[in-house]
């Protein structure tokens, strides 16, 4: 499991940073929520203990929330490979072949969306704008790399 680095990448926050993992086949890239998100389980456990201290009988079921939260963090991912994009969300898995992907949308203050040929969108969990270089490589160039375009423009302006 290797992180695909990008020299132009700017770190924002450890909690919002996704982990990019190259699978052993070398062609598939998986984008997951950062492992640091599991630290939120501690805060959830503290809240559960406080609630159970108030009334064990009424709030003992809340321990299930801890396991649901861990499952959710583990489940959310986007897999990009030669066949297309697989978006795994909370209750749904959507497979998008490359022929059906028109492009990507980056709505303000929302998660990245894949735009289908018919105009509908599919949310791509754990993918951010900073992941576009890895998306470019994993998609075989089907998704453009805006960082490379900016570098090329700077080099052209410097000549």
C-alpha atoms as a PDB file:
ATOM      1  CA  UNK A   1       0.000   0.000   0.000  1.00  0.00           C
ATOM      2  CA  UNK A   2       1.654   3.158  -1.241  1.00  0.00           C
ATOM      3  CA  UNK A   3       0.512   6.763  -0.964  1.00  0.00           C
ATOM      4  CA  UNK A   4       0.557   8.486  -4.347  1.00  0.00           C
ATOM      5  CA  UNK A   5       2.349  11.778  -3.583  1.00  0.00           C
ATOM      6  CA  UNK A   6       1.908  15.063  -5.378  1.00  0.00           C
ATOM      7  CA  UNK A   7       4.494  17.813  -4.940  1.00  0.00           C
ATOM      8  CA  UNK A   8       1.895  20.515  -5.594  1.00  0.00           C
ATOM      9  CA  UNK A   9      -0.427  19.139  -2.938  1.00  0.00           C
ATOM     10  CA  UNK A  10      -1.144  21.499  -0.071  1.00  0.00           C
ATOM     11  CA  UNK A  11      -2.204  19.960   3.202  1.00  0.00           C
ATOM     12  CA  UNK A  12      -5.322  21.484   4.668  1.00  0.00           C
ATOM     13  CA  UNK A  13      -6.372  19.459   7.665  1.00  0.00           C
ATOM     14  CA  UNK A  14      -5.463  15.968   8.758  1.00  0.00           C
ATOM     15  CA  UNK A  15      -9.129  15.143   9.348  1.00  0.00           C
ATOM     16  CA  UNK A  16     -10.170  16.087   5.805  1.00  0.00           C
ATOM     17  CA  UNK A  17      -7.201  14.516   4.060  1.00  0.00           C
ATOM     18  CA  UNK A  18      -8.056  11.310   2.249  1.00  0.00           C
ATOM     19  CA  UNK A  19      -5.714   8.392   1.993  1.00  0.00           C
ATOM     20  CA  UNK A  20      -4.845   7.298  -1.485  1.00  0.00           C
ATOM     21  CA  UNK A  21      -3.832   3.679  -1.794  1.00  0.00           C
ATOM     22  CA  UNK A  22      -2.477   1.941  -4.874  1.00  0.00           C
ATOM     23  CA  UNK A  23      -3.670  -1.645  -4.998  1.00  0.00           C
ATOM     24  CA  UNK A  24      -1.229  -4.510  -5.645  1.00  0.00           C
ATOM     25  CA  UNK A  25      -2.322  -4.804  -9.280  1.00  0.00           C
ATOM     26  CA  UNK A  26      -0.777  -1.353  -9.839  1.00  0.00           C
ATOM     27  CA  UNK A  27      -3.733  -0.153 -11.888  1.00  0.00           C
ATOM     28  CA  UNK A  28      -6.378   0.528  -9.266  1.00  0.00           C
ATOM     29  CA  UNK A  29      -6.298   3.451  -6.847  1.00  0.00           C
ATOM     30  CA  UNK A  30      -8.527   3.550  -3.757  1.00  0.00           C
ATOM     31  CA  UNK A  31      -9.401   6.835  -2.052  1.00  0.00           C
ATOM     32  CA  UNK A  32     -10.421   6.449   1.603  1.00  0.00           C
ATOM     33  CA  UNK A  33     -11.113   8.735   4.517  1.00  0.00           C
ATOM     34  CA  UNK A  34      -7.944   9.350   6.535  1.00  0.00           C
ATOM     35  CA  UNK A  35      -7.265   6.885   9.334  1.00  0.00           C
ATOM     36  CA  UNK A  36      -7.262   9.830  11.720  1.00  0.00           C
ATOM     37  CA  UNK A  37     -11.045   9.870  11.418  1.00  0.00           C
ATOM     38  CA  UNK A  38     -11.059   6.867  13.752  1.00  0.00           C
ATOM     39  CA  UNK A  39      -9.981   9.259  16.527  1.00  0.00           C
ATOM     40  CA  UNK A  40     -13.533  10.620  16.511  1.00  0.00           C
ATOM     41  CA  UNK A  41     -14.599   7.288  17.980  1.00  0.00           C
ATOM     42  CA  UNK A  42     -13.031   8.401  21.267  1.00  0.00           C
ATOM     43  CA  UNK A  43     -15.247  11.489  21.433  1.00  0.00           C
ATOM     44  CA  UNK A  44     -18.279   9.382  20.575  1.00  0.00           C
ATOM     45  CA  UNK A  45     -17.371   6.905  23.323  1.00  0.00           C
ATOM     46  CA  UNK A  46     -17.118   9.725  25.870  1.00  0.00           C
ATOM     47  CA  UNK A  47     -20.587  11.009  24.928  1.00  0.00           C
ATOM     48  CA  UNK A  48     -21.976   7.477  25.166  1.00  0.00           C
ATOM     49  CA  UNK A  49     -20.465   6.981  28.641  1.00  0.00           C
ATOM     50  CA  UNK A  50     -21.988  10.282  29.796  1.00  0.00           C
ATOM     51  CA  UNK A  51     -25.412   9.301  28.447  1.00  0.00           C
ATOM     52  CA  UNK A  52     -25.185   5.850  30.009  1.00  0.00           C
ATOM     53  CA  UNK A  53     -24.215   7.460  33.315  1.00  0.00           C
ATOM     54  CA  UNK A  54     -27.416   9.472  33.214  1.00  0.00           C
ATOM     55  CA  UNK A  55     -29.583   6.424  32.598  1.00  0.00           C
ATOM     56  CA  UNK A  56     -28.055   3.087  31.697  1.00  0.00           C
ATOM     57  CA  UNK A  57     -31.438   1.547  30.927  1.00  0.00           C
ATOM     58  CA  UNK A  58     -32.476   4.267  28.466  1.00  0.00           C
ATOM     59  CA  UNK A  59     -29.130   4.909  26.787  1.00  0.00           C
ATOM     60  CA  UNK A  60     -27.383   1.516  26.745  1.00  0.00           C
ATOM     61  CA  UNK A  61     -28.390   1.056  23.096  1.00  0.00           C
ATOM     62  CA  UNK A  62     -26.188   4.025  22.109  1.00  0.00           C
ATOM     63  CA  UNK A  63     -23.093   1.787  22.183  1.00  0.00           C
ATOM     64  CA  UNK A  64     -24.288   0.600  18.753  1.00  0.00           C
ATOM     65  CA  UNK A  65     -23.577   4.107  17.419  1.00  0.00           C
ATOM     66  CA  UNK A  66     -19.876   3.579  18.090  1.00  0.00           C
ATOM     67  CA  UNK A  67     -19.787   0.489  15.874  1.00  0.00           C
ATOM     68  CA  UNK A  68     -21.902   2.142  13.179  1.00  0.00           C
ATOM     69  CA  UNK A  69     -19.528   5.097  13.083  1.00  0.00           C
ATOM     70  CA  UNK A  70     -16.487   2.819  12.724  1.00  0.00           C
ATOM     71  CA  UNK A  71     -18.228   0.832   9.969  1.00  0.00           C
ATOM     72  CA  UNK A  72     -19.114   4.051   8.130  1.00  0.00           C
ATOM     73  CA  UNK A  73     -15.527   5.363   8.242  1.00  0.00           C
ATOM     74  CA  UNK A  74     -14.248   2.016   6.958  1.00  0.00           C
ATOM     75  CA  UNK A  75     -16.863   1.668   4.192  1.00  0.00           C
ATOM     76  CA  UNK A  76     -16.684   5.048   2.426  1.00  0.00           C
ATOM     77  CA  UNK A  77     -14.279   4.914  -0.502  1.00  0.00           C
ATOM     78  CA  UNK A  78     -13.826   5.569  -4.197  1.00  0.00           C
ATOM     79  CA  UNK A  79     -11.981   3.084  -6.390  1.00  0.00           C
ATOM     80  CA  UNK A  80     -10.591   4.258  -9.732  1.00  0.00           C
ATOM     81  CA  UNK A  81      -9.231   1.776 -12.232  1.00  0.00           C
ATOM     82  CA  UNK A  82      -9.004   0.909 -15.911  1.00  0.00           C
ATOM     83  CA  UNK A  83     -12.678  -0.149 -16.032  1.00  0.00           C
ATOM     84  CA  UNK A  84     -14.089   3.014 -14.467  1.00  0.00           C
ATOM     85  CA  UNK A  85     -14.996   4.472 -11.102  1.00  0.00           C
ATOM     86  CA  UNK A  86     -16.630   2.659  -8.177  1.00  0.00           C
ATOM     87  CA  UNK A  87     -18.176   4.952  -5.565  1.00  0.00           C
ATOM     88  CA  UNK A  88     -18.941   3.141  -2.290  1.00  0.00           C
ATOM     89  CA  UNK A  89     -21.169   5.258  -0.050  1.00  0.00           C
ATOM     90  CA  UNK A  90     -23.102   4.441   3.109  1.00  0.00           C
ATOM     91  CA  UNK A  91     -25.820   2.247   1.610  1.00  0.00           C
ATOM     92  CA  UNK A  92     -25.016   2.155  -2.093  1.00  0.00           C
ATOM     93  CA  UNK A  93     -22.232   1.146  -4.450  1.00  0.00           C
ATOM     94  CA  UNK A  94     -22.239   2.772  -7.876  1.00  0.00           C
ATOM     95  CA  UNK A  95     -20.106   1.552 -10.764  1.00  0.00           C
ATOM     96  CA  UNK A  96     -19.399   4.066 -13.540  1.00  0.00           C
ATOM     97  CA  UNK A  97     -17.717   2.795 -16.698  1.00  0.00           C
ATOM     98  CA  UNK A  98     -15.435   5.352 -18.353  1.00  0.00           C
ATOM     99  CA  UNK A  99     -17.841   5.649 -21.299  1.00  0.00           C
ATOM    100  CA  UNK A 100     -20.495   6.961 -18.899  1.00  0.00           C
ATOM    101  CA  UNK A 101     -18.247   9.555 -17.193  1.00  0.00           C
ATOM    102  CA  UNK A 102     -18.487  12.999 -18.791  1.00  0.00           C
ATOM    103  CA  UNK A 103     -16.286  14.737 -16.218  1.00  0.00           C
ATOM    104  CA  UNK A 104     -15.984  15.825 -12.600  1.00  0.00           C
ATOM    105  CA  UNK A 105     -17.804  18.601 -10.779  1.00  0.00           C
ATOM    106  CA  UNK A 106     -16.350  20.385  -7.767  1.00  0.00           C
ATOM    107  CA  UNK A 107     -19.337  22.143  -6.138  1.00  0.00           C
ATOM    108  CA  UNK A 108     -18.452  24.775  -3.571  1.00  0.00           C
ATOM    109  CA  UNK A 109     -18.411  23.324  -0.036  1.00  0.00           C
ATOM    110  CA  UNK A 110     -19.578  19.892  -1.251  1.00  0.00           C
ATOM    111  CA  UNK A 111     -17.910  16.639  -2.160  1.00  0.00           C
ATOM    112  CA  UNK A 112     -16.592  15.891  -5.630  1.00  0.00           C
ATOM    113  CA  UNK A 113     -19.154  14.550  -8.074  1.00  0.00           C
ATOM    114  CA  UNK A 114     -18.721  12.462 -11.215  1.00  0.00           C
ATOM    115  CA  UNK A 115     -20.952  13.780 -13.982  1.00  0.00           C
ATOM    116  CA  UNK A 116     -22.547  11.105 -16.131  1.00  0.00           C
ATOM    117  CA  UNK A 117     -23.211  11.440 -19.858  1.00  0.00           C
ATOM    118  CA  UNK A 118     -26.926  11.999 -19.117  1.00  0.00           C
ATOM    119  CA  UNK A 119     -26.102  14.919 -16.781  1.00  0.00           C
ATOM    120  CA  UNK A 120     -26.779  13.189 -13.458  1.00  0.00           C
ATOM    121  CA  UNK A 121     -24.098  13.233 -10.797  1.00  0.00           C
ATOM    122  CA  UNK A 122     -22.640  10.610  -8.470  1.00  0.00           C
ATOM    123  CA  UNK A 123     -20.900  11.598  -5.230  1.00  0.00           C
ATOM    124  CA  UNK A 124     -17.307  10.349  -4.957  1.00  0.00           C
ATOM    125  CA  UNK A 125     -16.605   9.688  -1.257  1.00  0.00           C
ATOM    126  CA  UNK A 126     -13.164  10.602   0.121  1.00  0.00           C
ATOM    127  CA  UNK A 127     -12.069  12.390  -3.066  1.00  0.00           C
ATOM    128  CA  UNK A 128     -11.012  16.024  -3.006  1.00  0.00           C
ATOM    129  CA  UNK A 129      -9.611  18.483  -5.500  1.00  0.00           C
ATOM    130  CA  UNK A 130      -6.133  17.721  -4.185  1.00  0.00           C
ATOM    131  CA  UNK A 131      -6.574  14.145  -5.415  1.00  0.00           C
ATOM    132  CA  UNK A 132      -6.869  15.118  -9.094  1.00  0.00           C
ATOM    133  CA  UNK A 133      -3.225  14.195  -9.916  1.00  0.00           C
ATOM    134  CA  UNK A 134      -3.810  10.667  -8.572  1.00  0.00           C
ATOM    135  CA  UNK A 135      -7.147  10.526 -10.413  1.00  0.00           C
ATOM    136  CA  UNK A 136      -5.361  11.564 -13.613  1.00  0.00           C
ATOM    137  CA  UNK A 137      -2.856   8.722 -13.284  1.00  0.00           C
ATOM    138  CA  UNK A 138      -5.422   6.100 -12.236  1.00  0.00           C
ATOM    139  CA  UNK A 139      -7.820   7.047 -15.029  1.00  0.00           C
ATOM    140  CA  UNK A 140      -5.138   6.733 -17.672  1.00  0.00           C
ATOM    141  CA  UNK A 141      -5.417  10.434 -18.494  1.00  0.00           C
ATOM    142  CA  UNK A 142      -9.220  10.453 -18.872  1.00  0.00           C
ATOM    143  CA  UNK A 143      -9.466  12.915 -15.973  1.00  0.00           C
ATOM    144  CA  UNK A 144      -7.278  15.987 -16.541  1.00  0.00           C
ATOM    145  CA  UNK A 145      -4.723  17.116 -13.961  1.00  0.00           C
ATOM    146  CA  UNK A 146      -5.244  20.838 -13.220  1.00  0.00           C
ATOM    147  CA  UNK A 147      -1.955  21.017 -11.317  1.00  0.00           C
ATOM    148  CA  UNK A 148      -0.045  19.865 -14.411  1.00  0.00           C
ATOM    149  CA  UNK A 149      -1.919  22.407 -16.533  1.00  0.00           C
ATOM    150  CA  UNK A 150      -0.953  25.166 -14.082  1.00  0.00           C
ATOM    151  CA  UNK A 151       2.694  24.032 -14.072  1.00  0.00           C
ATOM    152  CA  UNK A 152       2.735  23.942 -17.882  1.00  0.00           C
ATOM    153  CA  UNK A 153       1.243  27.456 -18.021  1.00  0.00           C
ATOM    154  CA  UNK A 154       3.879  28.751 -15.578  1.00  0.00           C
ATOM    155  CA  UNK A 155       6.661  27.148 -17.588  1.00  0.00           C
ATOM    156  CA  UNK A 156       5.263  28.600 -20.824  1.00  0.00           C
ATOM    157  CA  UNK A 157       5.018  32.060 -19.246  1.00  0.00           C
ATOM    158  CA  UNK A 158       8.597  31.777 -17.989  1.00  0.00           C
ATOM    159  CA  UNK A 159       9.991  31.149 -21.488  1.00  0.00           C
END
